[in-house]
PDB file of N, CA and C in Angstrom:
ATOM      1  N   UNK A   1      84.375 -26.921  -5.266  1.00  0.00           N
ATOM      2  CA  UNK A   1      85.438 -26.752  -6.240  1.00  0.00           C
ATOM      3  C   UNK A   1      86.435 -27.907  -6.078  1.00  0.00           C
ATOM      4  N   UNK A   2      86.768 -28.587  -7.148  1.00  0.00           N
ATOM      5  CA  UNK A   2      87.731 -29.689  -7.046  1.00  0.00           C
ATOM      6  C   UNK A   2      89.139 -29.176  -6.754  1.00  0.00           C
ATOM      7  N   UNK A   3      89.877 -30.011  -6.061  1.00  0.00           N
ATOM      8  CA  UNK A   3      91.261 -29.638  -5.739  1.00  0.00           C
ATOM      9  C   UNK A   3      92.143 -29.789  -6.976  1.00  0.00           C
ATOM     10  N   UNK A   4      93.319 -29.210  -6.910  1.00  0.00           N
ATOM     11  CA  UNK A   4      94.276 -29.318  -8.017  1.00  0.00           C
ATOM     12  C   UNK A   4      94.641 -30.779  -8.265  1.00  0.00           C
ATOM     13  N   UNK A   5      94.755 -31.557  -7.183  1.00  0.00           N
ATOM     14  CA  UNK A   5      95.071 -32.982  -7.326  1.00  0.00           C
ATOM     15  C   UNK A   5      93.963 -33.733  -8.052  1.00  0.00           C
ATOM     16  N   UNK A   6      92.711 -33.437  -7.728  1.00  0.00           N
ATOM     17  CA  UNK A   6      91.586 -34.087  -8.398  1.00  0.00           C
ATOM     18  C   UNK A   6      91.563 -33.746  -9.881  1.00  0.00           C
ATOM     19  N   UNK A   7      91.804 -32.508 -10.203  1.00  0.00           N
ATOM     20  CA  UNK A   7      91.834 -32.074 -11.603  1.00  0.00           C
ATOM     21  C   UNK A   7      92.946 -32.795 -12.345  1.00  0.00           C
ATOM     22  N   UNK A   8      94.108 -32.896 -11.742  1.00  0.00           N
ATOM     23  CA  UNK A   8      95.241 -33.596 -12.357  1.00  0.00           C
ATOM     24  C   UNK A   8      94.903 -35.060 -12.599  1.00  0.00           C
ATOM     25  N   UNK A   9      94.259 -35.705 -11.631  1.00  0.00           N
ATOM     26  CA  UNK A   9      93.901 -37.113 -11.773  1.00  0.00           C
ATOM     27  C   UNK A   9      92.905 -37.328 -12.913  1.00  0.00           C
ATOM     28  N   UNK A  10      91.934 -36.440 -13.028  1.00  0.00           N
ATOM     29  CA  UNK A  10      90.951 -36.554 -14.110  1.00  0.00           C
ATOM     30  C   UNK A  10      91.615 -36.323 -15.461  1.00  0.00           C
ATOM     31  N   UNK A  11      92.505 -35.362 -15.530  1.00  0.00           N
ATOM     32  CA  UNK A  11      93.224 -35.100 -16.786  1.00  0.00           C
ATOM     33  C   UNK A  11      94.053 -36.312 -17.205  1.00  0.00           C
ATOM     34  N   UNK A  12      94.702 -36.959 -16.237  1.00  0.00           N
ATOM     35  CA  UNK A  12      95.476 -38.167 -16.547  1.00  0.00           C
ATOM     36  C   UNK A  12      94.575 -39.275 -17.059  1.00  0.00           C
ATOM     37  N   UNK A  13      93.430 -39.431 -16.425  1.00  0.00           N
ATOM     38  CA  UNK A  13      92.473 -40.454 -16.851  1.00  0.00           C
ATOM     39  C   UNK A  13      91.997 -40.198 -18.274  1.00  0.00           C
ATOM     40  N   UNK A  14      91.648 -38.968 -18.577  1.00  0.00           N
ATOM     41  CA  UNK A  14      91.195 -38.615 -19.929  1.00  0.00           C
ATOM     42  C   UNK A  14      92.303 -38.882 -20.940  1.00  0.00           C
ATOM     43  N   UNK A  15      93.523 -38.531 -20.605  1.00  0.00           N
ATOM     44  CA  UNK A  15      94.652 -38.767 -21.502  1.00  0.00           C
ATOM     45  C   UNK A  15      94.839 -40.262 -21.763  1.00  0.00           C
ATOM     46  N   UNK A  16      94.753 -41.072 -20.706  1.00  0.00           N
ATOM     47  CA  UNK A  16      94.892 -42.529 -20.878  1.00  0.00           C
ATOM     48  C   UNK A  16      93.772 -43.100 -21.735  1.00  0.00           C
ATOM     49  N   UNK A  17      92.558 -42.619 -21.539  1.00  0.00           N
ATOM     50  CA  UNK A  17      91.430 -43.096 -22.344  1.00  0.00           C
ATOM     51  C   UNK A  17      91.609 -42.734 -23.815  1.00  0.00           C
ATOM     52  N   UNK A  18      92.047 -41.526 -24.068  1.00  0.00           N
ATOM     53  CA  UNK A  18      92.278 -41.107 -25.460  1.00  0.00           C
ATOM     54  C   UNK A  18      93.360 -41.962 -26.113  1.00  0.00           C
ATOM     55  N   UNK A  19      94.426 -42.245 -25.368  1.00  0.00           N
ATOM     56  CA  UNK A  19      95.496 -43.092 -25.904  1.00  0.00           C
ATOM     57  C   UNK A  19      94.974 -44.494 -26.206  1.00  0.00           C
ATOM     58  N   UNK A  20      94.171 -45.031 -25.305  1.00  0.00           N
ATOM     59  CA  UNK A  20      93.605 -46.363 -25.517  1.00  0.00           C
ATOM     60  C   UNK A  20      92.680 -46.383 -26.737  1.00  0.00           C
ATOM     61  N   UNK A  21      91.902 -45.330 -26.910  1.00  0.00           N
ATOM     62  CA  UNK A  21      90.998 -45.268 -28.062  1.00  0.00           C
ATOM     63  C   UNK A  21      91.770 -45.246 -29.378  1.00  0.00           C
ATOM     64  N   UNK A  22      92.904 -44.583 -29.392  1.00  0.00           N
ATOM     65  CA  UNK A  22      93.720 -44.513 -30.607  1.00  0.00           C
ATOM     66  C   UNK A  22      94.316 -45.862 -30.980  1.00  0.00           C
ATOM     67  N   UNK A  23      94.441 -46.752 -29.990  1.00  0.00           N
ATOM     68  CA  UNK A  23      95.009 -48.072 -30.243  1.00  0.00           C
ATOM     69  C   UNK A  23      93.975 -49.063 -30.766  1.00  0.00           C
ATOM     70  N   UNK A  24      92.692 -48.724 -30.700  1.00  0.00           N
ATOM     71  CA  UNK A  24      91.645 -49.625 -31.181  1.00  0.00           C
ATOM     72  C   UNK A  24      91.627 -49.664 -32.706  1.00  0.00           C
ATOM     73  N   UNK A  25      91.190 -50.797 -33.229  1.00  0.00           N
ATOM     74  CA  UNK A  25      90.959 -50.874 -34.675  1.00  0.00           C
ATOM     75  C   UNK A  25      89.719 -50.051 -34.998  1.00  0.00           C
ATOM     76  N   UNK A  26      89.525 -49.731 -36.263  1.00  0.00           N
ATOM     77  CA  UNK A  26      88.336 -48.974 -36.673  1.00  0.00           C
ATOM     78  C   UNK A  26      87.062 -49.715 -36.284  1.00  0.00           C
ATOM     79  N   UNK A  27      87.030 -51.043 -36.490  1.00  0.00           N
ATOM     80  CA  UNK A  27      85.845 -51.831 -36.148  1.00  0.00           C
ATOM     81  C   UNK A  27      85.566 -51.790 -34.647  1.00  0.00           C
ATOM     82  N   UNK A  28      86.619 -51.937 -33.840  1.00  0.00           N
ATOM     83  CA  UNK A  28      86.444 -51.894 -32.389  1.00  0.00           C
ATOM     84  C   UNK A  28      85.978 -50.516 -31.932  1.00  0.00           C
ATOM     85  N   UNK A  29      86.518 -49.475 -32.547  1.00  0.00           N
ATOM     86  CA  UNK A  29      86.129 -48.106 -32.188  1.00  0.00           C
ATOM     87  C   UNK A  29      84.656 -47.872 -32.519  1.00  0.00           C
ATOM     88  N   UNK A  30      84.223 -48.334 -33.686  1.00  0.00           N
ATOM     89  CA  UNK A  30      82.815 -48.175 -34.074  1.00  0.00           C
ATOM     90  C   UNK A  30      81.893 -48.944 -33.128  1.00  0.00           C
ATOM     91  N   UNK A  31      82.290 -50.161 -32.774  1.00  0.00           N
ATOM     92  CA  UNK A  31      81.483 -50.961 -31.859  1.00  0.00           C
ATOM     93  C   UNK A  31      81.383 -50.269 -30.495  1.00  0.00           C
ATOM     94  N   UNK A  32      82.474 -49.722 -30.031  1.00  0.00           N
ATOM     95  CA  UNK A  32      82.481 -49.017 -28.751  1.00  0.00           C
ATOM     96  C   UNK A  32      81.582 -47.788 -28.802  1.00  0.00           C
ATOM     97  N   UNK A  33      81.640 -47.046 -29.892  1.00  0.00           N
ATOM     98  CA  UNK A  33      80.789 -45.863 -30.042  1.00  0.00           C
ATOM     99  C   UNK A  33      79.311 -46.242 -30.068  1.00  0.00           C
ATOM    100  N   UNK A  34      78.978 -47.334 -30.757  1.00  0.00           N
ATOM    101  CA  UNK A  34      77.580 -47.785 -30.801  1.00  0.00           C
ATOM    102  C   UNK A  34      77.091 -48.162 -29.409  1.00  0.00           C
ATOM    103  N   UNK A  35      77.916 -48.887 -28.669  1.00  0.00           N
ATOM    104  CA  UNK A  35      77.514 -49.304 -27.322  1.00  0.00           C
ATOM    105  C   UNK A  35      77.367 -48.110 -26.394  1.00  0.00           C
ATOM    106  N   UNK A  36      78.298 -47.193 -26.452  1.00  0.00           N
ATOM    107  CA  UNK A  36      78.227 -46.041 -25.547  1.00  0.00           C
ATOM    108  C   UNK A  36      77.057 -45.139 -25.906  1.00  0.00           C
ATOM    109  N   UNK A  37      76.768 -44.985 -27.186  1.00  0.00           N
ATOM    110  CA  UNK A  37      75.629 -44.171 -27.608  1.00  0.00           C
ATOM    111  C   UNK A  37      74.331 -44.801 -27.119  1.00  0.00           C
ATOM    112  N   UNK A  38      74.235 -46.115 -27.208  1.00  0.00           N
ATOM    113  CA  UNK A  38      73.045 -46.809 -26.720  1.00  0.00           C
ATOM    114  C   UNK A  38      72.855 -46.621 -25.230  1.00  0.00           C
ATOM    115  N   UNK A  39      73.934 -46.674 -24.481  1.00  0.00           N
ATOM    116  CA  UNK A  39      73.847 -46.474 -23.031  1.00  0.00           C
ATOM    117  C   UNK A  39      73.377 -45.064 -22.709  1.00  0.00           C
ATOM    118  N   UNK A  40      73.915 -44.091 -23.395  1.00  0.00           N
ATOM    119  CA  UNK A  40      73.517 -42.705 -23.140  1.00  0.00           C
ATOM    120  C   UNK A  40      72.046 -42.526 -23.465  1.00  0.00           C
ATOM    121  N   UNK A  41      71.606 -43.077 -24.572  1.00  0.00           N
ATOM    122  CA  UNK A  41      70.198 -42.940 -24.947  1.00  0.00           C
ATOM    123  C   UNK A  41      69.292 -43.613 -23.930  1.00  0.00           C
ATOM    124  N   UNK A  42      69.676 -44.817 -23.459  1.00  0.00           N
ATOM    125  CA  UNK A  42      68.859 -45.508 -22.460  1.00  0.00           C
ATOM    126  C   UNK A  42      68.807 -44.708 -21.167  1.00  0.00           C
ATOM    127  N   UNK A  43      69.936 -44.193 -20.740  1.00  0.00           N
ATOM    128  CA  UNK A  43      69.984 -43.419 -19.495  1.00  0.00           C
ATOM    129  C   UNK A  43      69.190 -42.123 -19.628  1.00  0.00           C
ATOM    130  N   UNK A  44      69.345 -41.462 -20.753  1.00  0.00           N
ATOM    131  CA  UNK A  44      68.631 -40.216 -20.978  1.00  0.00           C
ATOM    132  C   UNK A  44      67.132 -40.480 -21.062  1.00  0.00           C
ATOM    133  N   UNK A  45      66.767 -41.547 -21.764  1.00  0.00           N
ATOM    134  CA  UNK A  45      65.352 -41.906 -21.871  1.00  0.00           C
ATOM    135  C   UNK A  45      64.753 -42.234 -20.527  1.00  0.00           C
ATOM    136  N   UNK A  46      65.488 -42.950 -19.697  1.00  0.00           N
ATOM    137  CA  UNK A  46      64.995 -43.307 -18.376  1.00  0.00           C
ATOM    138  C   UNK A  46      64.823 -42.046 -17.530  1.00  0.00           C
ATOM    139  N   UNK A  47      65.768 -41.134 -17.612  1.00  0.00           N
ATOM    140  CA  UNK A  47      65.682 -39.894 -16.848  1.00  0.00           C
ATOM    141  C   UNK A  47      64.494 -39.066 -17.321  1.00  0.00           C
ATOM    142  N   UNK A  48      64.269 -39.046 -18.628  1.00  0.00           N
ATOM    143  CA  UNK A  48      63.147 -38.287 -19.188  1.00  0.00           C
ATOM    144  C   UNK A  48      61.822 -38.894 -18.739  1.00  0.00           C
ATOM    145  N   UNK A  49      61.717 -40.220 -18.762  1.00  0.00           N
ATOM    146  CA  UNK A  49      60.486 -40.888 -18.333  1.00  0.00           C
ATOM    147  C   UNK A  49      60.217 -40.615 -16.867  1.00  0.00           C
ATOM    148  N   UNK A  50      61.252 -40.643 -16.030  1.00  0.00           N
ATOM    149  CA  UNK A  50      61.073 -40.366 -14.611  1.00  0.00           C
ATOM    150  C   UNK A  50      60.575 -38.945 -14.396  1.00  0.00           C
ATOM    151  N   UNK A  51      61.014 -38.038 -15.225  1.00  0.00           N
ATOM    152  CA  UNK A  51      60.619 -36.646 -15.089  1.00  0.00           C
ATOM    153  C   UNK A  51      59.133 -36.471 -15.368  1.00  0.00           C
ATOM    154  N   UNK A  52      58.603 -37.215 -16.330  1.00  0.00           N
ATOM    155  CA  UNK A  52      57.217 -37.027 -16.748  1.00  0.00           C
ATOM    156  C   UNK A  52      56.259 -37.967 -16.044  1.00  0.00           C
ATOM    157  N   UNK A  53      56.731 -38.889 -15.227  1.00  0.00           N
ATOM    158  CA  UNK A  53      55.835 -39.826 -14.523  1.00  0.00           C
ATOM    159  C   UNK A  53      55.505 -39.339 -13.143  1.00  0.00           C
TER     160      UNK A  53
END
């Protein structure tokens, strides 16, 4: 179970990330979403391949 301090630190990090995302232009936000989606798909695909090999 995470400590109260760890939970607070993660909440602060999430808040800072959300604030930073709001400051991006629409084009930058879309580019970031495309890159992050690609990373998730690659990671998920790699994990799936490892499972079946």
